[in-house]
Amino acid sequence: MFYETAKGSGLPHDPMKAIVAPRPIGWISAMGRDGSVNLSPYSFFNAFSTRPTIVGFGSDGRKDAVSLIAETGEFVCNLATWNFREAMNQTSAPLPRGESEFGFAGLEAEPSTMVKPPRVKGVAAALECRLVEIKQLADSTGAMLDNWLVLGHVVGIYIDDAMIRDGRFDTAAARPIARCGYFDYAVVDELFQMRRPPGG
């Protein structure tokens, strides 16, 4: 089949998010000037640069995380893993601003090292970020959308020492989860290797 996205697929559910999958989950903690903390998962998340390390996430609507990051210029990307799957899902609930997703999901916060927003206690890894840019997206006609891209410079990385094996971060041991569309998720618990061609 082929369909124009503006006209819809004719399928019961939009397949786009299931095609662009699996997608890492940016489990973002942010803090406002008043000290209020937000924790929410974003499945439009990835890394875009290594030197320096730039990560970003996309938000449909200017949600609390985006607003708080705009206020203070800092955020943390917590690694969402299998053992935190239910709590991560709970933090997607639309709570009133100022109500703690940490408490709502039964999570504890612990201080970050280089930024003010806390990380989730017990995570396998967390990326401490300083804001680079918040960009409002537009479509191909130039029409502005209520969609926001938040880019952050990773200034510090926390890793649970138990996740370091033979000098590497053990992704399979951490068991990160990813969004696959609809209500589907995947978990990384097995890896395979391929070498790039010479010069690749």
C-alpha atoms as a PDB file:
ATOM      1  CA  MET A   1       0.000   0.000   0.000  1.00  0.00           C
ATOM      2  CA  PHE A   2       0.932   3.639  -0.305  1.00  0.00           C
ATOM      3  CA  TYR A   3      -0.772   6.630   1.240  1.00  0.00           C
ATOM      4  CA  GLU A   4      -0.358  10.373   1.456  1.00  0.00           C
ATOM      5  CA  THR A   5       0.092  11.276   5.101  1.00  0.00           C
ATOM      6  CA  ALA A   6      -2.231  14.277   4.814  1.00  0.00           C
ATOM      7  CA  LYS A   7      -5.030  11.951   3.690  1.00  0.00           C
ATOM      8  CA  GLY A   8      -4.433   9.180   6.219  1.00  0.00           C
ATOM      9  CA  SER A   9      -3.664   5.506   5.782  1.00  0.00           C
ATOM     10  CA  GLY A  10      -7.179   4.128   6.031  1.00  0.00           C
ATOM     11  CA  LEU A  11      -5.887   1.725   8.668  1.00  0.00           C
ATOM     12  CA  PRO A  12      -7.510   1.637  12.122  1.00  0.00           C
ATOM     13  CA  HIS A  13      -4.331   3.121  13.656  1.00  0.00           C
ATOM     14  CA  ASP A  14      -1.581   5.357  12.289  1.00  0.00           C
ATOM     15  CA  PRO A  15       1.370   3.082  11.407  1.00  0.00           C
ATOM     16  CA  MET A  16       4.043   5.809  11.367  1.00  0.00           C
ATOM     17  CA  LYS A  17       5.231   5.405  14.953  1.00  0.00           C
ATOM     18  CA  ALA A  18       5.367   1.623  14.503  1.00  0.00           C
ATOM     19  CA  ILE A  19       7.547   2.056  11.404  1.00  0.00           C
ATOM     20  CA  VAL A  20      10.002   4.484  13.025  1.00  0.00           C
ATOM     21  CA  ALA A  21      10.818   1.988  15.774  1.00  0.00           C
ATOM     22  CA  PRO A  22      12.176   1.032  18.182  1.00  0.00           C
ATOM     23  CA  ARG A  23      12.704   4.530  19.562  1.00  0.00           C
ATOM     24  CA  PRO A  24      14.782   5.238  22.683  1.00  0.00           C
ATOM     25  CA  ILE A  25      12.846   6.797  25.531  1.00  0.00           C
ATOM     26  CA  GLY A  26      14.143  10.038  26.980  1.00  0.00           C
ATOM     27  CA  TRP A  27      12.928   9.938  30.576  1.00  0.00           C
ATOM     28  CA  ILE A  28      13.377  13.627  31.245  1.00  0.00           C
ATOM     29  CA  SER A  29      13.664  15.257  34.661  1.00  0.00           C
ATOM     30  CA  ALA A  30      13.498  19.045  34.764  1.00  0.00           C
ATOM     31  CA  MET A  31      13.291  21.677  37.466  1.00  0.00           C
ATOM     32  CA  GLY A  32      11.676  25.127  37.453  1.00  0.00           C
ATOM     33  CA  ARG A  33      12.967  28.307  39.048  1.00  0.00           C
ATOM     34  CA  ASP A  34      10.581  27.702  41.949  1.00  0.00           C
ATOM     35  CA  GLY A  35      12.132  24.279  42.613  1.00  0.00           C
ATOM     36  CA  SER A  36       9.222  22.292  41.155  1.00  0.00           C
ATOM     37  CA  VAL A  37      10.350  19.080  39.453  1.00  0.00           C
ATOM     38  CA  ASN A  38       8.852  17.280  36.476  1.00  0.00           C
ATOM     39  CA  LEU A  39       9.617  13.744  35.287  1.00  0.00           C
ATOM     40  CA  SER A  40       8.147  12.549  32.009  1.00  0.00           C
ATOM     41  CA  PRO A  41       8.975  10.098  29.200  1.00  0.00           C
ATOM     42  CA  TYR A  42       9.457  11.169  25.580  1.00  0.00           C
ATOM     43  CA  SER A  43       9.747   8.554  22.836  1.00  0.00           C
ATOM     44  CA  PHE A  44      10.895  11.109  20.251  1.00  0.00           C
ATOM     45  CA  PHE A  45      14.408  11.122  21.693  1.00  0.00           C
ATOM     46  CA  ASN A  46      17.923  10.482  20.421  1.00  0.00           C
ATOM     47  CA  ALA A  47      21.575  11.560  20.263  1.00  0.00           C
ATOM     48  CA  PHE A  48      22.667  13.813  17.400  1.00  0.00           C
ATOM     49  CA  SER A  49      26.348  14.594  17.995  1.00  0.00           C
ATOM     50  CA  THR A  50      29.304  13.085  19.852  1.00  0.00           C
ATOM     51  CA  ARG A  51      31.852  15.933  20.158  1.00  0.00           C
ATOM     52  CA  PRO A  52      30.263  17.602  21.962  1.00  0.00           C
ATOM     53  CA  THR A  53      27.482  15.189  22.819  1.00  0.00           C
ATOM     54  CA  ILE A  54      24.113  16.674  21.862  1.00  0.00           C
ATOM     55  CA  VAL A  55      20.830  14.905  22.645  1.00  0.00           C
ATOM     56  CA  GLY A  56      17.300  16.013  21.972  1.00  0.00           C
ATOM     57  CA  PHE A  57      13.667  15.189  22.461  1.00  0.00           C
ATOM     58  CA  GLY A  58      10.463  16.234  20.754  1.00  0.00           C
ATOM     59  CA  SER A  59       7.307  17.270  22.579  1.00  0.00           C
ATOM     60  CA  ASP A  60       3.817  17.364  21.081  1.00  0.00           C
ATOM     61  CA  GLY A  61       2.649  20.542  22.810  1.00  0.00           C
ATOM     62  CA  ARG A  62       4.661  22.793  25.104  1.00  0.00           C
ATOM     63  CA  LYS A  63       4.403  20.516  28.117  1.00  0.00           C
ATOM     64  CA  ASP A  64       5.704  21.123  31.636  1.00  0.00           C
ATOM     65  CA  ALA A  65       9.157  19.661  30.926  1.00  0.00           C
ATOM     66  CA  VAL A  66       9.686  22.072  28.035  1.00  0.00           C
ATOM     67  CA  SER A  67       8.493  25.050  30.078  1.00  0.00           C
ATOM     68  CA  LEU A  68      10.697  24.180  33.054  1.00  0.00           C
ATOM     69  CA  ILE A  69      13.755  23.645  30.853  1.00  0.00           C
ATOM     70  CA  ALA A  70      13.114  27.043  29.254  1.00  0.00           C
ATOM     71  CA  GLU A  71      13.138  28.578  32.742  1.00  0.00           C
ATOM     72  CA  THR A  72      16.352  27.041  34.064  1.00  0.00           C
ATOM     73  CA  GLY A  73      18.263  25.755  31.023  1.00  0.00           C
ATOM     74  CA  GLU A  74      18.984  22.307  32.445  1.00  0.00           C
ATOM     75  CA  PHE A  75      17.570  18.766  32.328  1.00  0.00           C
ATOM     76  CA  VAL A  76      18.496  15.121  32.859  1.00  0.00           C
ATOM     77  CA  CYS A  77      17.836  12.170  30.542  1.00  0.00           C
ATOM     78  CA  ASN A  78      17.338   9.104  32.738  1.00  0.00           C
ATOM     79  CA  LEU A  79      17.771   5.710  31.061  1.00  0.00           C
ATOM     80  CA  ALA A  80      14.398   3.946  31.014  1.00  0.00           C
ATOM     81  CA  THR A  81      15.008   0.245  31.641  1.00  0.00           C
ATOM     82  CA  TRP A  82      12.977  -2.926  32.106  1.00  0.00           C
ATOM     83  CA  ASN A  83      12.968  -2.709  35.905  1.00  0.00           C
ATOM     84  CA  PHE A  84      11.519   0.823  35.709  1.00  0.00           C
ATOM     85  CA  ARG A  85       8.962   0.109  32.968  1.00  0.00           C
ATOM     86  CA  GLU A  86       5.828   0.468  35.122  1.00  0.00           C
ATOM     87  CA  ALA A  87       7.099   3.553  36.958  1.00  0.00           C
ATOM     88  CA  MET A  88       8.166   5.151  33.660  1.00  0.00           C
ATOM     89  CA  ASN A  89       4.679   4.574  32.291  1.00  0.00           C
ATOM     90  CA  GLN A  90       3.124   6.107  35.414  1.00  0.00           C
ATOM     91  CA  THR A  91       5.128   9.296  34.904  1.00  0.00           C
ATOM     92  CA  SER A  92       3.349   9.866  31.591  1.00  0.00           C
ATOM     93  CA  ALA A  93       0.148  10.709  33.516  1.00  0.00           C
ATOM     94  CA  PRO A  94      -0.981  14.335  32.988  1.00  0.00           C
ATOM     95  CA  LEU A  95      -0.510  15.604  36.547  1.00  0.00           C
ATOM     96  CA  PRO A  96      -1.081  19.236  37.508  1.00  0.00           C
ATOM     97  CA  ARG A  97       2.062  21.351  37.360  1.00  0.00           C
ATOM     98  CA  GLY A  98       3.824  21.177  40.697  1.00  0.00           C
ATOM     99  CA  GLU A  99       2.584  17.694  41.579  1.00  0.00           C
ATOM    100  CA  SER A 100       5.529  15.310  41.714  1.00  0.00           C
ATOM    101  CA  GLU A 101       5.702  12.482  39.184  1.00  0.00           C
ATOM    102  CA  PHE A 102       8.425  11.005  41.387  1.00  0.00           C
ATOM    103  CA  GLY A 103       5.992  10.591  44.270  1.00  0.00           C
ATOM    104  CA  PHE A 104       3.090   9.585  42.023  1.00  0.00           C
ATOM    105  CA  ALA A 105       5.146   6.742  40.511  1.00  0.00           C
ATOM    106  CA  GLY A 106       6.775   5.693  43.795  1.00  0.00           C
ATOM    107  CA  LEU A 107      10.237   6.845  42.722  1.00  0.00           C
ATOM    108  CA  GLU A 108      13.024   8.497  44.658  1.00  0.00           C
ATOM    109  CA  ALA A 109      15.093  11.386  43.343  1.00  0.00           C
ATOM    110  CA  GLU A 110      18.792  11.804  43.957  1.00  0.00           C
ATOM    111  CA  PRO A 111      21.000  14.809  43.230  1.00  0.00           C
ATOM    112  CA  SER A 112      22.771  15.223  39.930  1.00  0.00           C
ATOM    113  CA  THR A 113      26.402  16.340  39.901  1.00  0.00           C
ATOM    114  CA  MET A 114      26.566  19.222  37.412  1.00  0.00           C
ATOM    115  CA  VAL A 115      22.945  20.326  36.987  1.00  0.00           C
ATOM    116  CA  LYS A 116      20.115  21.104  39.414  1.00  0.00           C
ATOM    117  CA  PRO A 117      17.382  18.714  38.183  1.00  0.00           C
ATOM    118  CA  PRO A 118      17.680  15.366  40.007  1.00  0.00           C
ATOM    119  CA  ARG A 119      17.987  11.955  38.432  1.00  0.00           C
ATOM    120  CA  VAL A 120      15.867   8.914  39.211  1.00  0.00           C
ATOM    121  CA  LYS A 121      17.490   6.949  42.017  1.00  0.00           C
ATOM    122  CA  GLY A 122      18.635   3.525  40.861  1.00  0.00           C
ATOM    123  CA  VAL A 123      18.863   4.185  37.126  1.00  0.00           C
ATOM    124  CA  ALA A 124      21.607   2.468  35.149  1.00  0.00           C
ATOM    125  CA  ALA A 125      22.668   5.750  33.545  1.00  0.00           C
ATOM    126  CA  ALA A 126      21.678   9.395  33.312  1.00  0.00           C
ATOM    127  CA  LEU A 127      22.771  12.229  31.026  1.00  0.00           C
ATOM    128  CA  GLU A 128      23.081  15.645  32.664  1.00  0.00           C
ATOM    129  CA  CYS A 129      22.309  18.335  30.085  1.00  0.00           C
ATOM    130  CA  ARG A 130      22.494  22.085  29.629  1.00  0.00           C
ATOM    131  CA  LEU A 131      20.044  23.595  27.166  1.00  0.00           C
ATOM    132  CA  VAL A 132      21.279  24.395  23.671  1.00  0.00           C
ATOM    133  CA  GLU A 133      18.003  25.364  22.017  1.00  0.00           C
ATOM    134  CA  ILE A 134      14.247  24.982  22.161  1.00  0.00           C
ATOM    135  CA  LYS A 135      12.963  25.105  18.613  1.00  0.00           C
ATOM    136  CA  GLN A 136       9.338  25.337  17.544  1.00  0.00           C
ATOM    137  CA  LEU A 137       8.816  23.062  14.534  1.00  0.00           C
ATOM    138  CA  ALA A 138       7.147  23.993  11.254  1.00  0.00           C
ATOM    139  CA  ASP A 139       5.818  21.862   8.416  1.00  0.00           C
ATOM    140  CA  SER A 140       6.951  21.949   4.785  1.00  0.00           C
ATOM    141  CA  THR A 141       4.668  24.914   4.048  1.00  0.00           C
ATOM    142  CA  GLY A 142       6.222  26.969   6.835  1.00  0.00           C
ATOM    143  CA  ALA A 143       3.168  26.704   9.097  1.00  0.00           C
ATOM    144  CA  MET A 144       4.233  26.777  12.752  1.00  0.00           C
ATOM    145  CA  LEU A 145       3.237  23.763  14.825  1.00  0.00           C
ATOM    146  CA  ASP A 146       2.643  23.156  18.517  1.00  0.00           C
ATOM    147  CA  ASN A 147       5.602  20.772  18.452  1.00  0.00           C
ATOM    148  CA  TRP A 148       8.889  21.525  20.160  1.00  0.00           C
ATOM    149  CA  LEU A 149      12.423  20.186  19.760  1.00  0.00           C
ATOM    150  CA  VAL A 150      14.624  20.501  22.850  1.00  0.00           C
ATOM    151  CA  LEU A 151      18.370  20.100  22.302  1.00  0.00           C
ATOM    152  CA  GLY A 152      20.792  19.669  25.186  1.00  0.00           C
ATOM    153  CA  HIS A 153      24.566  19.535  25.573  1.00  0.00           C
ATOM    154  CA  VAL A 154      25.496  16.542  27.731  1.00  0.00           C
ATOM    155  CA  VAL A 155      27.934  17.961  30.288  1.00  0.00           C
ATOM    156  CA  GLY A 156      28.051  14.953  32.624  1.00  0.00           C
ATOM    157  CA  ILE A 157      27.137  11.272  32.545  1.00  0.00           C
ATOM    158  CA  TYR A 158      26.241   9.108  35.534  1.00  0.00           C
ATOM    159  CA  ILE A 159      26.707   5.333  35.137  1.00  0.00           C
ATOM    160  CA  ASP A 160      25.937   2.706  37.760  1.00  0.00           C
ATOM    161  CA  ASP A 161      29.288   0.972  38.348  1.00  0.00           C
ATOM    162  CA  ALA A 162      27.555  -2.413  38.076  1.00  0.00           C
ATOM    163  CA  MET A 163      26.828  -1.640  34.411  1.00  0.00           C
ATOM    164  CA  ILE A 164      30.525  -1.358  33.477  1.00  0.00           C
ATOM    165  CA  ARG A 165      31.841  -4.677  32.108  1.00  0.00           C
ATOM    166  CA  ASP A 166      35.337  -4.987  30.603  1.00  0.00           C
ATOM    167  CA  GLY A 167      35.545  -1.216  30.260  1.00  0.00           C
ATOM    168  CA  ARG A 168      32.223  -0.893  28.408  1.00  0.00           C
ATOM    169  CA  PHE A 169      28.696   0.067  29.327  1.00  0.00           C
ATOM    170  CA  ASP A 170      26.785  -3.244  29.243  1.00  0.00           C
ATOM    171  CA  THR A 171      23.639  -2.297  27.346  1.00  0.00           C
ATOM    172  CA  ALA A 172      22.173  -5.802  27.488  1.00  0.00           C
ATOM    173  CA  ALA A 173      22.628  -5.940  31.273  1.00  0.00           C
ATOM    174  CA  ALA A 174      20.931  -2.542  31.673  1.00  0.00           C
ATOM    175  CA  ARG A 175      17.967  -3.774  29.557  1.00  0.00           C
ATOM    176  CA  PRO A 176      16.801  -0.408  28.159  1.00  0.00           C
ATOM    177  CA  ILE A 177      13.274  -0.287  26.817  1.00  0.00           C
ATOM    178  CA  ALA A 178      12.113   1.416  23.627  1.00  0.00           C
ATOM    179  CA  ARG A 179       8.805   2.525  22.167  1.00  0.00           C
ATOM    180  CA  CYS A 180       7.521   0.682  19.116  1.00  0.00           C
ATOM    181  CA  GLY A 181       4.169   2.318  18.353  1.00  0.00           C
ATOM    182  CA  TYR A 182       0.628   1.642  19.539  1.00  0.00           C
ATOM    183  CA  PHE A 183       0.987   0.203  23.084  1.00  0.00           C
ATOM    184  CA  ASP A 184       4.059  -1.825  22.108  1.00  0.00           C
ATOM    185  CA  TYR A 185       7.535  -1.658  23.625  1.00  0.00           C
ATOM    186  CA  ALA A 186      10.783  -3.573  23.141  1.00  0.00           C
ATOM    187  CA  VAL A 187      13.566  -4.432  25.562  1.00  0.00           C
ATOM    188  CA  VAL A 188      17.250  -4.735  24.649  1.00  0.00           C
ATOM    189  CA  ASP A 189      18.581  -7.846  26.351  1.00  0.00           C
ATOM    190  CA  GLU A 190      20.666  -9.364  23.551  1.00  0.00           C
ATOM    191  CA  LEU A 191      23.242  -7.809  21.233  1.00  0.00           C
ATOM    192  CA  PHE A 192      25.066  -8.813  18.053  1.00  0.00           C
ATOM    193  CA  GLN A 193      28.131  -7.256  16.456  1.00  0.00           C
ATOM    194  CA  MET A 194      29.040  -6.210  12.918  1.00  0.00           C
ATOM    195  CA  ARG A 195      32.241  -4.483  11.855  1.00  0.00           C
ATOM    196  CA  ARG A 196      32.010  -1.541   9.498  1.00  0.00           C
ATOM    197  CA  PRO A 197      33.832  -1.784   6.156  1.00  0.00           C
ATOM    198  CA  PRO A 198      37.348  -0.261   6.165  1.00  0.00           C
ATOM    199  CA  GLY A 199      37.073   3.519   6.227  1.00  0.00           C
ATOM    200  CA  GLY A 200      33.372   3.354   7.155  1.00  0.00           C
END
